[in-house]
Amino acid sequence: MAETEVLACPKCGKKGLVRCIHSEDDLFQCIYCDYRRDLTQSRESEGGPGTVFLAIASALLIALLLLG
């Protein structure tokens, strides 16, 4: 039998964040405060400062290899 992991809701803090298994998306919903989060959308739209830093570091590395 598989163990079920209950996650804490980032909005209310209670352990009630569950995955909606009848949804086409990877949707999580809190049973206490109705907070919802679609993880498929967050994976597609991730970027942020880490990606920018990686792009700049890669460009510098390629420039150093070409000049050296």
C-alpha atoms as a PDB file:
ATOM      1  CA  MET A   1       0.000   0.000   0.000  1.00  0.00           C
ATOM      2  CA  ALA A   2       1.357   3.436  -0.965  1.00  0.00           C
ATOM      3  CA  GLU A   3       1.791   6.113   1.659  1.00  0.00           C
ATOM      4  CA  THR A   4      -0.059   9.384   1.158  1.00  0.00           C
ATOM      5  CA  GLU A   5       1.893  12.565   1.786  1.00  0.00           C
ATOM      6  CA  VAL A   6      -0.190  15.513   2.972  1.00  0.00           C
ATOM      7  CA  LEU A   7       1.291  18.891   2.106  1.00  0.00           C
ATOM      8  CA  ALA A   8       0.928  22.131   4.042  1.00  0.00           C
ATOM      9  CA  CYS A   9      -0.949  24.895   2.250  1.00  0.00           C
ATOM     10  CA  PRO A  10       1.213  27.982   1.557  1.00  0.00           C
ATOM     11  CA  LYS A  11      -1.791  30.270   2.161  1.00  0.00           C
ATOM     12  CA  CYS A  12      -3.369  29.013   5.412  1.00  0.00           C
ATOM     13  CA  GLY A  13      -0.572  26.732   6.696  1.00  0.00           C
ATOM     14  CA  LYS A  14      -2.843  23.770   7.422  1.00  0.00           C
ATOM     15  CA  LYS A  15      -2.003  20.302   6.149  1.00  0.00           C
ATOM     16  CA  GLY A  16      -4.753  20.047   3.578  1.00  0.00           C
ATOM     17  CA  LEU A  17      -3.165  20.504   0.158  1.00  0.00           C
ATOM     18  CA  VAL A  18      -4.313  17.619  -2.029  1.00  0.00           C
ATOM     19  CA  ARG A  19      -3.913  16.759  -5.708  1.00  0.00           C
ATOM     20  CA  CYS A  20      -7.098  16.800  -7.767  1.00  0.00           C
ATOM     21  CA  ILE A  21      -6.899  13.425  -9.510  1.00  0.00           C
ATOM     22  CA  HIS A  22      -9.847  14.065 -11.823  1.00  0.00           C
ATOM     23  CA  SER A  23      -8.186  17.116 -13.376  1.00  0.00           C
ATOM     24  CA  GLU A  24      -6.358  17.116 -16.714  1.00  0.00           C
ATOM     25  CA  ASP A  25      -3.721  19.437 -15.249  1.00  0.00           C
ATOM     26  CA  ASP A  26      -1.464  18.917 -12.240  1.00  0.00           C
ATOM     27  CA  LEU A  27      -3.821  20.844  -9.948  1.00  0.00           C
ATOM     28  CA  PHE A  28      -3.405  21.044  -6.160  1.00  0.00           C
ATOM     29  CA  GLN A  29      -6.131  22.460  -3.919  1.00  0.00           C
ATOM     30  CA  CYS A  30      -6.399  23.161  -0.189  1.00  0.00           C
ATOM     31  CA  ILE A  31      -9.424  21.550   1.432  1.00  0.00           C
ATOM     32  CA  TYR A  32      -9.562  24.293   4.090  1.00  0.00           C
ATOM     33  CA  CYS A  33      -9.121  27.642   2.297  1.00  0.00           C
ATOM     34  CA  ASP A  34      -9.722  26.646  -1.371  1.00  0.00           C
ATOM     35  CA  TYR A  35      -6.203  27.757  -2.430  1.00  0.00           C
ATOM     36  CA  ARG A  36      -5.375  26.354  -5.881  1.00  0.00           C
ATOM     37  CA  ARG A  37      -2.103  25.909  -7.722  1.00  0.00           C
ATOM     38  CA  ASP A  38      -1.636  24.447 -11.200  1.00  0.00           C
ATOM     39  CA  LEU A  39       1.900  23.043 -11.307  1.00  0.00           C
ATOM     40  CA  THR A  40       1.837  22.432 -15.075  1.00  0.00           C
ATOM     41  CA  GLN A  41       1.607  26.184 -15.707  1.00  0.00           C
ATOM     42  CA  SER A  42       4.399  27.029 -13.252  1.00  0.00           C
ATOM     43  CA  ARG A  43       6.773  24.547 -14.909  1.00  0.00           C
ATOM     44  CA  GLU A  44       6.176  26.069 -18.344  1.00  0.00           C
ATOM     45  CA  SER A  45       6.601  29.683 -17.236  1.00  0.00           C
ATOM     46  CA  GLU A  46       9.651  29.283 -15.009  1.00  0.00           C
ATOM     47  CA  GLY A  47      12.542  31.551 -15.751  1.00  0.00           C
ATOM     48  CA  GLY A  48      13.661  34.031 -13.191  1.00  0.00           C
ATOM     49  CA  PRO A  49      17.075  35.194 -12.077  1.00  0.00           C
ATOM     50  CA  GLY A  50      18.650  31.736 -12.152  1.00  0.00           C
ATOM     51  CA  THR A  51      17.988  31.366 -15.853  1.00  0.00           C
ATOM     52  CA  VAL A  52      19.356  34.847 -16.592  1.00  0.00           C
ATOM     53  CA  PHE A  53      22.513  34.117 -14.600  1.00  0.00           C
ATOM     54  CA  LEU A  54      22.992  30.812 -16.403  1.00  0.00           C
ATOM     55  CA  ALA A  55      22.611  32.506 -19.803  1.00  0.00           C
ATOM     56  CA  ILE A  56      25.171  35.206 -18.934  1.00  0.00           C
ATOM     57  CA  ALA A  57      27.643  32.673 -17.502  1.00  0.00           C
ATOM     58  CA  SER A  58      27.291  30.500 -20.605  1.00  0.00           C
ATOM     59  CA  ALA A  59      27.880  33.472 -22.914  1.00  0.00           C
ATOM     60  CA  LEU A  60      31.006  34.455 -20.968  1.00  0.00           C
ATOM     61  CA  LEU A  61      32.334  30.902 -21.064  1.00  0.00           C
ATOM     62  CA  ILE A  62      31.819  30.654 -24.815  1.00  0.00           C
ATOM     63  CA  ALA A  63      33.522  34.048 -25.315  1.00  0.00           C
ATOM     64  CA  LEU A  64      36.499  32.906 -23.236  1.00  0.00           C
ATOM     65  CA  LEU A  65      36.805  29.683 -25.220  1.00  0.00           C
ATOM     66  CA  LEU A  66      36.692  31.532 -28.534  1.00  0.00           C
ATOM     67  CA  LEU A  67      39.272  34.135 -27.457  1.00  0.00           C
ATOM     68  CA  GLY A  68      41.607  31.732 -25.732  1.00  0.00           C
END
